[in-house]
Amino acid sequence: MANPWLKKNPFMGMWLSTANRVAGSLRGKATVQAKRQVKTAIAEAISPPAPKAKPRRKR
């Protein structure tokens, strides 16, 4: 008698395929966001600070 645990399950295959697709999408979005944050941090570290606004004089 064949072992039923070794049979292919099409529903399990579809579920795993969808799970891998979702995980890949989330990983891609997380990578893009991390790159944006690194680029912003580097740009802020390199650029000179913005001049502070002078307080207005009261009349």
PDB file of N, CA and C in Angstrom:
ATOM      1  N   MET A   1       0.839  -1.183   0.000  1.00  0.00           N
ATOM      2  CA  MET A   1       0.000   0.000   0.000  1.00  0.00           C
ATOM      3  C   MET A   1       0.885   1.247   0.000  1.00  0.00           C
ATOM      4  N   ALA A   2       0.536   2.228  -0.809  1.00  0.00           N
ATOM      5  CA  ALA A   2       1.320   3.462  -0.926  1.00  0.00           C
ATOM      6  C   ALA A   2       1.063   4.360   0.285  1.00  0.00           C
ATOM      7  N   ASN A   3       2.079   5.082   0.654  1.00  0.00           N
ATOM      8  CA  ASN A   3       1.974   6.003   1.787  1.00  0.00           C
ATOM      9  C   ASN A   3       1.173   7.232   1.354  1.00  0.00           C
ATOM     10  N   PRO A   4       0.038   7.547   2.002  1.00  0.00           N
ATOM     11  CA  PRO A   4      -0.781   8.695   1.572  1.00  0.00           C
ATOM     12  C   PRO A   4      -0.097  10.034   1.813  1.00  0.00           C
ATOM     13  N   TRP A   5       0.897  10.096   2.697  1.00  0.00           N
ATOM     14  CA  TRP A   5       1.585  11.351   2.989  1.00  0.00           C
ATOM     15  C   TRP A   5       2.530  11.756   1.865  1.00  0.00           C
ATOM     16  N   LEU A   6       2.869  10.813   1.007  1.00  0.00           N
ATOM     17  CA  LEU A   6       3.804  11.110  -0.083  1.00  0.00           C
ATOM     18  C   LEU A   6       3.090  11.470  -1.386  1.00  0.00           C
ATOM     19  N   LYS A   7       1.769  11.430  -1.394  1.00  0.00           N
ATOM     20  CA  LYS A   7       1.017  11.786  -2.600  1.00  0.00           C
ATOM     21  C   LYS A   7       1.041  13.303  -2.799  1.00  0.00           C
ATOM     22  N   LYS A   8       0.958  13.701  -4.045  1.00  0.00           N
ATOM     23  CA  LYS A   8       0.934  15.138  -4.347  1.00  0.00           C
ATOM     24  C   LYS A   8      -0.441  15.704  -4.002  1.00  0.00           C
ATOM     25  N   ASN A   9      -0.431  16.918  -3.447  1.00  0.00           N
ATOM     26  CA  ASN A   9      -1.669  17.582  -3.066  1.00  0.00           C
ATOM     27  C   ASN A   9      -1.746  18.878  -3.876  1.00  0.00           C
ATOM     28  N   PRO A  10      -2.623  18.963  -4.869  1.00  0.00           N
ATOM     29  CA  PRO A  10      -2.685  20.172  -5.703  1.00  0.00           C
ATOM     30  C   PRO A  10      -3.082  21.420  -4.917  1.00  0.00           C
ATOM     31  N   PHE A  11      -3.919  21.282  -3.895  1.00  0.00           N
ATOM     32  CA  PHE A  11      -4.322  22.447  -3.116  1.00  0.00           C
ATOM     33  C   PHE A  11      -3.161  22.990  -2.298  1.00  0.00           C
ATOM     34  N   MET A  12      -2.332  22.088  -1.760  1.00  0.00           N
ATOM     35  CA  MET A  12      -1.157  22.516  -1.016  1.00  0.00           C
ATOM     36  C   MET A  12      -0.191  23.244  -1.951  1.00  0.00           C
ATOM     37  N   GLY A  13      -0.054  22.737  -3.163  1.00  0.00           N
ATOM     38  CA  GLY A  13       0.824  23.381  -4.146  1.00  0.00           C
ATOM     39  C   GLY A  13       0.345  24.779  -4.500  1.00  0.00           C
ATOM     40  N   MET A  14      -0.966  24.933  -4.689  1.00  0.00           N
ATOM     41  CA  MET A  14      -1.510  26.256  -5.005  1.00  0.00           C
ATOM     42  C   MET A  14      -1.328  27.214  -3.824  1.00  0.00           C
ATOM     43  N   TRP A  15      -1.554  26.694  -2.609  1.00  0.00           N
ATOM     44  CA  TRP A  15      -1.416  27.533  -1.418  1.00  0.00           C
ATOM     45  C   TRP A  15       0.027  27.991  -1.251  1.00  0.00           C
ATOM     46  N   LEU A  16       0.982  27.081  -1.409  1.00  0.00           N
ATOM     47  CA  LEU A  16       2.396  27.439  -1.274  1.00  0.00           C
ATOM     48  C   LEU A  16       2.833  28.404  -2.372  1.00  0.00           C
ATOM     49  N   SER A  17       2.312  28.215  -3.566  1.00  0.00           N
ATOM     50  CA  SER A  17       2.649  29.116  -4.668  1.00  0.00           C
ATOM     51  C   SER A  17       2.173  30.533  -4.364  1.00  0.00           C
ATOM     52  N   THR A  18       0.959  30.645  -3.867  1.00  0.00           N
ATOM     53  CA  THR A  18       0.427  31.962  -3.514  1.00  0.00           C
ATOM     54  C   THR A  18       1.201  32.569  -2.350  1.00  0.00           C
ATOM     55  N   ALA A  19       1.531  31.744  -1.359  1.00  0.00           N
ATOM     56  CA  ALA A  19       2.286  32.240  -0.206  1.00  0.00           C
ATOM     57  C   ALA A  19       3.662  32.754  -0.642  1.00  0.00           C
ATOM     58  N   ASN A  20       4.315  32.041  -1.549  1.00  0.00           N
ATOM     59  CA  ASN A  20       5.621  32.487  -2.042  1.00  0.00           C
ATOM     60  C   ASN A  20       5.491  33.783  -2.838  1.00  0.00           C
ATOM     61  N   ARG A  21       4.416  33.929  -3.589  1.00  0.00           N
ATOM     62  CA  ARG A  21       4.215  35.147  -4.359  1.00  0.00           C
ATOM     63  C   ARG A  21       4.015  36.344  -3.432  1.00  0.00           C
ATOM     64  N   VAL A  22       3.219  36.161  -2.387  1.00  0.00           N
ATOM     65  CA  VAL A  22       2.971  37.233  -1.418  1.00  0.00           C
ATOM     66  C   VAL A  22       4.256  37.587  -0.676  1.00  0.00           C
ATOM     67  N   ALA A  23       5.002  36.569  -0.257  1.00  0.00           N
ATOM     68  CA  ALA A  23       6.254  36.815   0.467  1.00  0.00           C
ATOM     69  C   ALA A  23       7.253  37.559  -0.417  1.00  0.00           C
ATOM     70  N   GLY A  24       7.332  37.203  -1.679  1.00  0.00           N
ATOM     71  CA  GLY A  24       8.232  37.891  -2.595  1.00  0.00           C
ATOM     72  C   GLY A  24       7.836  39.340  -2.792  1.00  0.00           C
ATOM     73  N   SER A  25       6.545  39.593  -2.891  1.00  0.00           N
ATOM     74  CA  SER A  25       6.055  40.957  -3.052  1.00  0.00           C
ATOM     75  C   SER A  25       6.385  41.799  -1.821  1.00  0.00           C
ATOM     76  N   LEU A  26       6.135  41.249  -0.635  1.00  0.00           N
ATOM     77  CA  LEU A  26       6.429  41.982   0.599  1.00  0.00           C
ATOM     78  C   LEU A  26       7.927  42.228   0.755  1.00  0.00           C
ATOM     79  N   ARG A  27       8.728  41.235   0.392  1.00  0.00           N
ATOM     80  CA  ARG A  27      10.180  41.398   0.487  1.00  0.00           C
ATOM     81  C   ARG A  27      10.651  42.501  -0.454  1.00  0.00           C
ATOM     82  N   GLY A  28      10.083  42.558  -1.647  1.00  0.00           N
ATOM     83  CA  GLY A  28      10.441  43.606  -2.596  1.00  0.00           C
ATOM     84  C   GLY A  28      10.075  44.988  -2.090  1.00  0.00           C
ATOM     85  N   LYS A  29       8.881  45.115  -1.519  1.00  0.00           N
ATOM     86  CA  LYS A  29       8.451  46.411  -0.985  1.00  0.00           C
ATOM     87  C   LYS A  29       9.316  46.837   0.193  1.00  0.00           C
ATOM     88  N   ALA A  30       9.675  45.887   1.051  1.00  0.00           N
ATOM     89  CA  ALA A  30      10.518  46.206   2.204  1.00  0.00           C
ATOM     90  C   ALA A  30      11.912  46.638   1.745  1.00  0.00           C
ATOM     91  N   THR A  31      12.434  45.987   0.711  1.00  0.00           N
ATOM     92  CA  THR A  31      13.753  46.342   0.190  1.00  0.00           C
ATOM     93  C   THR A  31      13.748  47.749  -0.391  1.00  0.00           C
ATOM     94  N   VAL A  32      12.718  48.081  -1.149  1.00  0.00           N
ATOM     95  CA  VAL A  32      12.622  49.415  -1.736  1.00  0.00           C
ATOM     96  C   VAL A  32      12.528  50.476  -0.646  1.00  0.00           C
ATOM     97  N   GLN A  33      11.723  50.224   0.381  1.00  0.00           N
ATOM     98  CA  GLN A  33      11.572  51.186   1.472  1.00  0.00           C
ATOM     99  C   GLN A  33      12.887  51.369   2.219  1.00  0.00           C
ATOM    100  N   ALA A  34      13.610  50.285   2.455  1.00  0.00           N
ATOM    101  CA  ALA A  34      14.897  50.381   3.145  1.00  0.00           C
ATOM    102  C   ALA A  34      15.894  51.189   2.321  1.00  0.00           C
ATOM    103  N   LYS A  35      15.904  50.976   1.014  1.00  0.00           N
ATOM    104  CA  LYS A  35      16.810  51.744   0.143  1.00  0.00           C
ATOM    105  C   LYS A  35      16.466  53.225   0.168  1.00  0.00           C
ATOM    106  N   ARG A  36      15.156  53.546   0.183  1.00  0.00           N
ATOM    107  CA  ARG A  36      14.743  54.950   0.251  1.00  0.00           C
ATOM    108  C   ARG A  36      15.221  55.602   1.550  1.00  0.00           C
ATOM    109  N   GLN A  37      15.075  54.872   2.656  1.00  0.00           N
ATOM    110  CA  GLN A  37      15.478  55.428   3.936  1.00  0.00           C
ATOM    111  C   GLN A  37      16.984  55.639   3.997  1.00  0.00           C
ATOM    112  N   VAL A  38      17.752  54.714   3.451  1.00  0.00           N
ATOM    113  CA  VAL A  38      19.209  54.856   3.438  1.00  0.00           C
ATOM    114  C   VAL A  38      19.609  56.044   2.573  1.00  0.00           C
ATOM    115  N   LYS A  39      18.976  56.172   1.421  1.00  0.00           N
ATOM    116  CA  LYS A  39      19.296  57.283   0.523  1.00  0.00           C
ATOM    117  C   LYS A  39      18.979  58.622   1.179  1.00  0.00           C
ATOM    118  N   THR A  40      17.838  58.697   1.877  1.00  0.00           N
ATOM    119  CA  THR A  40      17.452  59.927   2.569  1.00  0.00           C
ATOM    120  C   THR A  40      18.426  60.252   3.691  1.00  0.00           C
ATOM    121  N   ALA A  41      18.829  59.248   4.458  1.00  0.00           N
ATOM    122  CA  ALA A  41      19.759  59.475   5.574  1.00  0.00           C
ATOM    123  C   ALA A  41      21.105  59.963   5.052  1.00  0.00           C
ATOM    124  N   ILE A  42      21.566  59.392   3.967  1.00  0.00           N
ATOM    125  CA  ILE A  42      22.848  59.814   3.390  1.00  0.00           C
ATOM    126  C   ILE A  42      22.743  61.238   2.863  1.00  0.00           C
ATOM    127  N   ALA A  43      21.631  61.557   2.201  1.00  0.00           N
ATOM    128  CA  ALA A  43      21.444  62.907   1.661  1.00  0.00           C
ATOM    129  C   ALA A  43      21.401  63.938   2.781  1.00  0.00           C
ATOM    130  N   GLU A  44      20.751  63.622   3.888  1.00  0.00           N
ATOM    131  CA  GLU A  44      20.690  64.554   5.017  1.00  0.00           C
ATOM    132  C   GLU A  44      22.060  64.718   5.675  1.00  0.00           C
ATOM    133  N   ALA A  45      22.847  63.653   5.710  1.00  0.00           N
ATOM    134  CA  ALA A  45      24.165  63.719   6.339  1.00  0.00           C
ATOM    135  C   ALA A  45      25.147  64.523   5.497  1.00  0.00           C
ATOM    136  N   ILE A  46      24.998  64.476   4.194  1.00  0.00           N
ATOM    137  CA  ILE A  46      25.942  65.148   3.298  1.00  0.00           C
ATOM    138  C   ILE A  46      25.579  66.613   3.074  1.00  0.00           C
ATOM    139  N   SER A  47      24.286  66.914   2.952  1.00  0.00           N
ATOM    140  CA  SER A  47      23.872  68.274   2.611  1.00  0.00           C
ATOM    141  C   SER A  47      24.097  69.225   3.787  1.00  0.00           C
ATOM    142  N   PRO A  48      24.382  70.484   3.490  1.00  0.00           N
ATOM    143  CA  PRO A  48      24.573  71.457   4.575  1.00  0.00           C
ATOM    144  C   PRO A  48      23.242  71.736   5.272  1.00  0.00           C
ATOM    145  N   PRO A  49      23.290  72.095   6.541  1.00  0.00           N
ATOM    146  CA  PRO A  49      22.030  72.366   7.249  1.00  0.00           C
ATOM    147  C   PRO A  49      21.347  73.618   6.684  1.00  0.00           C
ATOM    148  N   ALA A  50      20.044  73.611   6.723  1.00  0.00           N
ATOM    149  CA  ALA A  50      19.280  74.752   6.217  1.00  0.00           C
ATOM    150  C   ALA A  50      19.465  75.938   7.161  1.00  0.00           C
ATOM    151  N   PRO A  51      19.530  77.142   6.622  1.00  0.00           N
ATOM    152  CA  PRO A  51      19.689  78.306   7.493  1.00  0.00           C
ATOM    153  C   PRO A  51      18.453  78.501   8.360  1.00  0.00           C
ATOM    154  N   LYS A  52      18.674  78.919   9.607  1.00  0.00           N
ATOM    155  CA  LYS A  52      17.563  79.122  10.519  1.00  0.00           C
ATOM    156  C   LYS A  52      16.901  80.467  10.211  1.00  0.00           C
ATOM    157  N   ALA A  53      15.598  80.503  10.370  1.00  0.00           N
ATOM    158  CA  ALA A  53      14.856  81.740  10.116  1.00  0.00           C
ATOM    159  C   ALA A  53      15.139  82.732  11.247  1.00  0.00           C
ATOM    160  N   LYS A  54      15.339  83.978  10.875  1.00  0.00           N
ATOM    161  CA  LYS A  54      15.582  85.004  11.874  1.00  0.00           C
ATOM    162  C   LYS A  54      14.262  85.394  12.525  1.00  0.00           C
ATOM    163  N   PRO A  55      14.264  85.614  13.829  1.00  0.00           N
ATOM    164  CA  PRO A  55      13.009  86.023  14.477  1.00  0.00           C
ATOM    165  C   PRO A  55      12.596  87.415  14.014  1.00  0.00           C
ATOM    166  N   ARG A  56      11.302  87.610  13.877  1.00  0.00           N
ATOM    167  CA  ARG A  56      10.794  88.915  13.427  1.00  0.00           C
ATOM    168  C   ARG A  56      10.868  89.913  14.562  1.00  0.00           C
ATOM    169  N   ARG A  57      11.157  91.121  14.189  1.00  0.00           N
ATOM    170  CA  ARG A  57      11.233  92.207  15.179  1.00  0.00           C
ATOM    171  C   ARG A  57       9.864  92.787  15.433  1.00  0.00           C
ATOM    172  N   LYS A  58       9.520  92.981  16.681  1.00  0.00           N
ATOM    173  CA  LYS A  58       8.222  93.549  17.017  1.00  0.00           C
ATOM    174  C   LYS A  58       8.277  95.058  16.891  1.00  0.00           C
ATOM    175  N   ARG A  59       7.225  95.638  16.458  1.00  0.00           N
ATOM    176  CA  ARG A  59       7.158  97.097  16.283  1.00  0.00           C
ATOM    177  C   ARG A  59       6.394  97.731  17.397  1.00  0.00           C
TER     178      ARG A  59
END
